[in-house]
N, C-alpha and C. Protein backbone atom coordinates (compact mmCIF):
# COMPACT_ATOMS: atom_id res chain seq x y z
N MET A 1 36.26 -79.09 27.44
CA MET A 1 37.26 -78.15 27.91
C MET A 1 38.65 -78.77 27.72
N LYS A 2 39.57 -77.96 27.20
CA LYS A 2 40.92 -78.44 26.91
C LYS A 2 41.90 -77.82 27.90
N LEU A 3 42.66 -78.67 28.58
CA LEU A 3 43.63 -78.21 29.56
C LEU A 3 45.04 -78.54 29.10
N MET A 4 45.98 -77.65 29.39
CA MET A 4 47.38 -77.83 29.04
C MET A 4 48.18 -77.98 30.33
N VAL A 5 48.94 -79.07 30.44
CA VAL A 5 49.77 -79.32 31.62
C VAL A 5 51.23 -79.29 31.18
N VAL A 6 52.02 -78.40 31.79
CA VAL A 6 53.43 -78.28 31.44
C VAL A 6 54.27 -78.47 32.70
N ASP A 7 55.08 -79.52 32.69
CA ASP A 7 55.98 -79.81 33.82
C ASP A 7 57.09 -80.70 33.30
N ASP A 8 58.31 -80.44 33.75
CA ASP A 8 59.43 -81.25 33.27
C ASP A 8 59.47 -82.62 33.94
N SER A 9 58.68 -82.83 34.97
CA SER A 9 58.59 -84.13 35.63
C SER A 9 57.43 -84.93 35.04
N SER A 10 57.76 -86.05 34.39
CA SER A 10 56.69 -86.88 33.81
C SER A 10 55.78 -87.42 34.91
N THR A 11 56.34 -87.68 36.09
CA THR A 11 55.54 -88.16 37.22
C THR A 11 54.52 -87.10 37.63
N MET A 12 54.97 -85.84 37.73
CA MET A 12 54.06 -84.77 38.13
C MET A 12 52.98 -84.56 37.06
N ARG A 13 53.36 -84.62 35.78
CA ARG A 13 52.36 -84.49 34.72
C ARG A 13 51.32 -85.60 34.85
N ARG A 14 51.77 -86.82 35.12
CA ARG A 14 50.85 -87.94 35.25
C ARG A 14 49.91 -87.73 36.44
N ILE A 15 50.45 -87.29 37.57
CA ILE A 15 49.62 -87.04 38.76
C ILE A 15 48.55 -86.00 38.45
N ILE A 16 48.97 -84.90 37.81
CA ILE A 16 48.02 -83.82 37.49
C ILE A 16 46.98 -84.32 36.49
N LYS A 17 47.43 -85.02 35.45
CA LYS A 17 46.50 -85.53 34.43
C LYS A 17 45.50 -86.53 35.04
N ASN A 18 45.99 -87.43 35.91
CA ASN A 18 45.09 -88.39 36.55
C ASN A 18 44.06 -87.69 37.42
N THR A 19 44.50 -86.67 38.15
CA THR A 19 43.58 -85.91 38.99
C THR A 19 42.53 -85.21 38.13
N LEU A 20 42.98 -84.58 37.05
CA LEU A 20 42.05 -83.88 36.16
C LEU A 20 41.05 -84.86 35.54
N ALA A 21 41.54 -86.04 35.16
CA ALA A 21 40.65 -87.05 34.56
C ALA A 21 39.59 -87.48 35.56
N ARG A 22 39.98 -87.64 36.84
CA ARG A 22 39.00 -88.01 37.88
C ARG A 22 37.97 -86.91 38.08
N LEU A 23 38.37 -85.68 37.78
CA LEU A 23 37.45 -84.55 37.92
C LEU A 23 36.57 -84.39 36.68
N GLY A 24 36.80 -85.24 35.68
CA GLY A 24 35.95 -85.21 34.49
C GLY A 24 36.54 -84.46 33.31
N TYR A 25 37.80 -84.06 33.41
CA TYR A 25 38.45 -83.37 32.29
C TYR A 25 39.24 -84.40 31.48
N ASN A 26 38.83 -84.59 30.24
CA ASN A 26 39.44 -85.65 29.43
C ASN A 26 40.36 -85.14 28.33
N GLU A 27 40.19 -83.87 27.94
CA GLU A 27 41.05 -83.32 26.89
C GLU A 27 42.23 -82.62 27.56
N ILE A 28 43.34 -83.37 27.69
CA ILE A 28 44.50 -82.85 28.39
C ILE A 28 45.72 -82.95 27.48
N LEU A 29 46.29 -81.80 27.18
CA LEU A 29 47.52 -81.74 26.39
C LEU A 29 48.68 -81.58 27.37
N GLU A 30 49.91 -81.92 26.92
CA GLU A 30 51.02 -81.76 27.84
C GLU A 30 52.31 -81.39 27.13
N GLY A 31 53.20 -80.80 27.92
CA GLY A 31 54.52 -80.43 27.45
C GLY A 31 55.50 -80.60 28.58
N GLU A 32 56.77 -80.90 28.24
CA GLU A 32 57.73 -81.16 29.31
C GLU A 32 58.60 -79.95 29.64
N ASN A 33 58.40 -78.84 28.94
CA ASN A 33 59.05 -77.58 29.31
C ASN A 33 58.28 -76.45 28.63
N GLY A 34 58.68 -75.23 28.92
CA GLY A 34 57.95 -74.09 28.39
C GLY A 34 57.97 -74.02 26.87
N VAL A 35 59.08 -74.40 26.27
CA VAL A 35 59.18 -74.37 24.80
C VAL A 35 58.16 -75.33 24.20
N GLN A 36 58.17 -76.57 24.69
CA GLN A 36 57.24 -77.56 24.17
C GLN A 36 55.80 -77.18 24.51
N GLY A 37 55.59 -76.66 25.71
CA GLY A 37 54.25 -76.22 26.11
C GLY A 37 53.73 -75.14 25.19
N TRP A 38 54.61 -74.18 24.86
CA TRP A 38 54.19 -73.10 23.97
C TRP A 38 53.87 -73.64 22.57
N GLU A 39 54.71 -74.56 22.07
CA GLU A 39 54.47 -75.12 20.73
C GLU A 39 53.11 -75.82 20.67
N VAL A 40 52.79 -76.57 21.71
CA VAL A 40 51.49 -77.27 21.75
C VAL A 40 50.35 -76.26 21.83
N MET A 41 50.51 -75.25 22.67
CA MET A 41 49.45 -74.24 22.79
C MET A 41 49.28 -73.45 21.50
N ASP A 42 50.39 -73.12 20.86
CA ASP A 42 50.34 -72.36 19.62
C ASP A 42 49.59 -73.13 18.54
N ALA A 43 49.72 -74.46 18.57
CA ALA A 43 49.03 -75.31 17.59
C ALA A 43 47.59 -75.61 18.00
N ASN A 44 47.25 -75.34 19.27
CA ASN A 44 45.91 -75.62 19.80
C ASN A 44 45.39 -74.36 20.47
N SER A 45 44.97 -73.40 19.67
CA SER A 45 44.59 -72.11 20.23
C SER A 45 43.28 -72.15 21.02
N ASP A 46 42.69 -73.35 21.11
CA ASP A 46 41.45 -73.49 21.88
C ASP A 46 41.70 -74.03 23.29
N VAL A 47 42.95 -73.96 23.77
CA VAL A 47 43.26 -74.39 25.14
C VAL A 47 42.50 -73.47 26.10
N ASP A 48 41.84 -74.07 27.11
CA ASP A 48 41.00 -73.31 28.04
C ASP A 48 41.70 -72.95 29.34
N VAL A 49 42.65 -73.80 29.77
CA VAL A 49 43.36 -73.58 31.03
C VAL A 49 44.79 -74.05 30.88
N LEU A 50 45.74 -73.30 31.45
CA LEU A 50 47.14 -73.70 31.48
C LEU A 50 47.53 -73.98 32.92
N ILE A 51 48.09 -75.16 33.14
CA ILE A 51 48.64 -75.53 34.45
C ILE A 51 50.12 -75.77 34.22
N THR A 52 50.97 -74.94 34.81
CA THR A 52 52.40 -75.03 34.52
C THR A 52 53.26 -75.01 35.77
N ASP A 53 54.35 -75.75 35.68
CA ASP A 53 55.41 -75.73 36.68
C ASP A 53 56.19 -74.43 36.51
N TRP A 54 56.97 -74.05 37.50
CA TRP A 54 57.81 -72.86 37.39
C TRP A 54 59.20 -73.25 36.90
N ASN A 55 59.87 -74.16 37.63
CA ASN A 55 61.25 -74.51 37.35
C ASN A 55 61.36 -75.61 36.31
N MET A 56 61.72 -75.21 35.08
CA MET A 56 61.87 -76.17 33.98
C MET A 56 63.03 -75.72 33.10
N PRO A 57 63.65 -76.66 32.39
CA PRO A 57 64.73 -76.29 31.47
C PRO A 57 64.17 -75.62 30.21
N GLU A 58 65.03 -74.99 29.46
CA GLU A 58 64.76 -74.36 28.16
C GLU A 58 63.91 -73.09 28.26
N MET A 59 62.69 -73.21 28.80
CA MET A 59 61.86 -72.02 29.07
C MET A 59 61.10 -72.34 30.35
N ASN A 60 61.31 -71.53 31.38
CA ASN A 60 60.63 -71.85 32.65
C ASN A 60 59.17 -71.40 32.61
N GLY A 61 58.45 -71.75 33.65
CA GLY A 61 57.02 -71.47 33.70
C GLY A 61 56.69 -69.99 33.68
N LEU A 62 57.53 -69.18 34.33
CA LEU A 62 57.29 -67.75 34.36
C LEU A 62 57.43 -67.16 32.96
N GLU A 63 58.45 -67.60 32.24
CA GLU A 63 58.64 -67.14 30.86
C GLU A 63 57.47 -67.59 29.98
N LEU A 64 57.00 -68.82 30.21
CA LEU A 64 55.86 -69.33 29.46
C LEU A 64 54.61 -68.48 29.73
N VAL A 65 54.37 -68.17 31.00
CA VAL A 65 53.21 -67.36 31.37
C VAL A 65 53.26 -66.01 30.66
N LYS A 66 54.42 -65.38 30.65
CA LYS A 66 54.55 -64.07 30.00
C LYS A 66 54.31 -64.19 28.50
N LYS A 67 54.79 -65.26 27.88
CA LYS A 67 54.60 -65.48 26.45
C LYS A 67 53.12 -65.71 26.14
N VAL A 68 52.47 -66.52 26.98
CA VAL A 68 51.04 -66.80 26.80
C VAL A 68 50.23 -65.52 26.95
N ARG A 69 50.52 -64.75 27.99
CA ARG A 69 49.77 -63.52 28.25
C ARG A 69 49.98 -62.48 27.14
N ALA A 70 51.12 -62.53 26.47
CA ALA A 70 51.41 -61.57 25.40
C ALA A 70 50.68 -61.92 24.11
N ASP A 71 50.13 -63.14 24.03
CA ASP A 71 49.43 -63.58 22.82
C ASP A 71 47.94 -63.28 22.97
N GLU A 72 47.40 -62.58 22.01
CA GLU A 72 46.00 -62.16 22.05
C GLU A 72 45.05 -63.33 22.26
N ARG A 73 45.37 -64.50 21.70
CA ARG A 73 44.49 -65.67 21.82
C ARG A 73 44.37 -66.17 23.26
N PHE A 74 45.40 -65.93 24.05
CA PHE A 74 45.45 -66.53 25.39
C PHE A 74 45.46 -65.50 26.51
N LYS A 75 45.23 -64.23 26.19
CA LYS A 75 45.41 -63.20 27.21
C LYS A 75 44.46 -63.37 28.40
N ASP A 76 43.33 -64.05 28.20
CA ASP A 76 42.35 -64.18 29.27
C ASP A 76 42.21 -65.60 29.85
N ILE A 77 43.01 -66.56 29.35
CA ILE A 77 42.79 -67.92 29.87
C ILE A 77 43.34 -68.04 31.30
N PRO A 78 42.68 -68.85 32.12
CA PRO A 78 43.17 -69.06 33.48
C PRO A 78 44.49 -69.82 33.47
N ILE A 79 45.43 -69.35 34.30
CA ILE A 79 46.73 -70.01 34.44
C ILE A 79 46.94 -70.34 35.91
N ILE A 80 47.28 -71.60 36.16
CA ILE A 80 47.62 -72.04 37.51
C ILE A 80 49.09 -72.44 37.50
N MET A 81 49.87 -71.87 38.41
CA MET A 81 51.28 -72.22 38.57
C MET A 81 51.37 -73.28 39.67
N VAL A 82 52.02 -74.40 39.34
CA VAL A 82 52.22 -75.48 40.31
C VAL A 82 53.73 -75.58 40.52
N THR A 83 54.19 -75.33 41.74
CA THR A 83 55.63 -75.21 41.94
C THR A 83 56.06 -75.48 43.37
N THR A 84 57.35 -75.72 43.55
CA THR A 84 57.92 -75.84 44.89
C THR A 84 58.26 -74.45 45.44
N GLU A 85 58.18 -73.42 44.57
CA GLU A 85 58.50 -72.05 44.98
C GLU A 85 57.32 -71.47 45.76
N GLY A 86 57.35 -71.61 47.07
CA GLY A 86 56.21 -71.21 47.87
C GLY A 86 56.36 -69.90 48.62
N GLY A 87 57.47 -69.21 48.41
CA GLY A 87 57.70 -67.96 49.12
C GLY A 87 56.77 -66.86 48.65
N LYS A 88 56.50 -65.92 49.54
CA LYS A 88 55.59 -64.82 49.21
C LYS A 88 56.08 -64.02 48.00
N ALA A 89 57.38 -63.78 47.94
CA ALA A 89 57.94 -63.01 46.83
C ALA A 89 57.69 -63.72 45.50
N GLU A 90 57.87 -65.04 45.48
CA GLU A 90 57.64 -65.81 44.26
C GLU A 90 56.18 -65.75 43.84
N VAL A 91 55.28 -65.87 44.80
CA VAL A 91 53.86 -65.81 44.50
C VAL A 91 53.51 -64.46 43.86
N ILE A 92 54.05 -63.39 44.43
CA ILE A 92 53.78 -62.05 43.90
C ILE A 92 54.33 -61.91 42.48
N ILE A 93 55.54 -62.42 42.24
CA ILE A 93 56.13 -62.37 40.89
C ILE A 93 55.24 -63.11 39.90
N ALA A 94 54.78 -64.29 40.29
CA ALA A 94 53.93 -65.10 39.40
C ALA A 94 52.61 -64.39 39.11
N LEU A 95 51.98 -63.83 40.14
CA LEU A 95 50.71 -63.13 39.96
C LEU A 95 50.88 -61.91 39.06
N ARG A 96 51.97 -61.19 39.23
CA ARG A 96 52.23 -60.02 38.39
C ARG A 96 52.45 -60.42 36.93
N ALA A 97 52.99 -61.62 36.71
CA ALA A 97 53.24 -62.10 35.35
C ALA A 97 51.95 -62.54 34.66
N GLY A 98 50.90 -62.76 35.47
CA GLY A 98 49.62 -63.12 34.87
C GLY A 98 49.03 -64.44 35.33
N VAL A 99 49.64 -65.04 36.36
CA VAL A 99 49.09 -66.28 36.91
C VAL A 99 47.82 -65.96 37.70
N ASN A 100 46.78 -66.80 37.53
CA ASN A 100 45.52 -66.58 38.24
C ASN A 100 45.48 -67.26 39.60
N ASN A 101 46.20 -68.37 39.72
CA ASN A 101 46.20 -69.09 40.99
C ASN A 101 47.50 -69.84 41.11
N TYR A 102 47.78 -70.35 42.31
CA TYR A 102 49.10 -70.83 42.66
C TYR A 102 48.96 -72.06 43.54
N ILE A 103 49.66 -73.13 43.21
CA ILE A 103 49.64 -74.34 44.03
C ILE A 103 51.08 -74.69 44.37
N VAL A 104 51.35 -74.89 45.66
CA VAL A 104 52.70 -75.27 46.09
C VAL A 104 52.77 -76.79 46.22
N LYS A 105 53.81 -77.38 45.60
CA LYS A 105 54.04 -78.83 45.70
C LYS A 105 54.64 -79.13 47.07
N PRO A 106 54.35 -80.27 47.67
CA PRO A 106 53.36 -81.26 47.22
C PRO A 106 51.94 -80.77 47.51
N PHE A 107 50.99 -81.27 46.75
CA PHE A 107 49.60 -80.85 46.92
C PHE A 107 48.69 -82.07 46.82
N THR A 108 47.46 -81.90 47.29
CA THR A 108 46.49 -83.00 47.23
C THR A 108 45.59 -82.78 46.02
N PRO A 109 44.94 -83.84 45.54
CA PRO A 109 43.97 -83.68 44.46
C PRO A 109 42.89 -82.66 44.80
N GLN A 110 42.50 -82.59 46.07
CA GLN A 110 41.47 -81.64 46.49
C GLN A 110 41.93 -80.19 46.26
N VAL A 111 43.21 -79.92 46.52
CA VAL A 111 43.73 -78.57 46.30
C VAL A 111 43.68 -78.22 44.82
N LEU A 112 44.08 -79.15 43.96
CA LEU A 112 44.02 -78.89 42.51
C LEU A 112 42.58 -78.64 42.08
N LYS A 113 41.67 -79.44 42.59
CA LYS A 113 40.25 -79.29 42.26
C LYS A 113 39.76 -77.90 42.67
N GLU A 114 40.08 -77.49 43.90
CA GLU A 114 39.62 -76.19 44.41
C GLU A 114 40.20 -75.03 43.61
N LYS A 115 41.50 -75.10 43.30
CA LYS A 115 42.14 -74.01 42.56
C LYS A 115 41.59 -73.94 41.13
N LEU A 116 41.37 -75.10 40.52
CA LEU A 116 40.83 -75.13 39.16
C LEU A 116 39.41 -74.56 39.14
N GLU A 117 38.59 -74.98 40.10
CA GLU A 117 37.22 -74.45 40.17
C GLU A 117 37.23 -72.95 40.44
N ALA A 118 38.19 -72.49 41.23
CA ALA A 118 38.28 -71.05 41.52
C ALA A 118 38.57 -70.25 40.25
N VAL A 119 39.54 -70.71 39.44
CA VAL A 119 39.88 -69.94 38.24
C VAL A 119 38.80 -70.07 37.16
N LEU A 120 38.02 -71.14 37.21
CA LEU A 120 36.95 -71.33 36.22
C LEU A 120 35.65 -70.70 36.70
N GLY A 121 35.61 -70.25 37.94
CA GLY A 121 34.39 -69.62 38.46
C GLY A 121 33.30 -70.63 38.78
N ILE A 122 33.73 -71.86 39.12
CA ILE A 122 32.77 -72.91 39.49
C ILE A 122 32.60 -72.88 41.00
N ASN A 123 31.38 -72.68 41.44
CA ASN A 123 31.12 -72.67 42.88
C ASN A 123 30.34 -73.89 43.28
N GLU A 124 30.81 -74.55 44.33
CA GLU A 124 30.05 -75.70 44.84
C GLU A 124 29.03 -75.21 45.85
N GLY A 125 27.98 -76.02 46.01
CA GLY A 125 27.00 -75.70 47.04
C GLY A 125 25.82 -75.19 46.45
């Protein structure tokens, strides 16, 4: 499974990538903004999950989500928004744009695991 992590914070990308690696996901691509994230995804049309920040320079996460959803190759992939924008209005905007799940920073590895399993349809127990 190939996961795409897009965040302008290299520290946050590292935290997310390390958490994903501990969960057994080893194919992790990354981008530091929406433009770079889109370029990587466009070149790797087999990306299975997108995990993106909202607030980034050049192209923000919401714009990236809309671009991804508009592309036939990615219209059904799970998208998780990871952001400091935790207000109800922001969550609704993100969900309407096509985000499948939402994580508010700061978060624990357990929260990322649960949200990822939720969008992938993995049930424990």
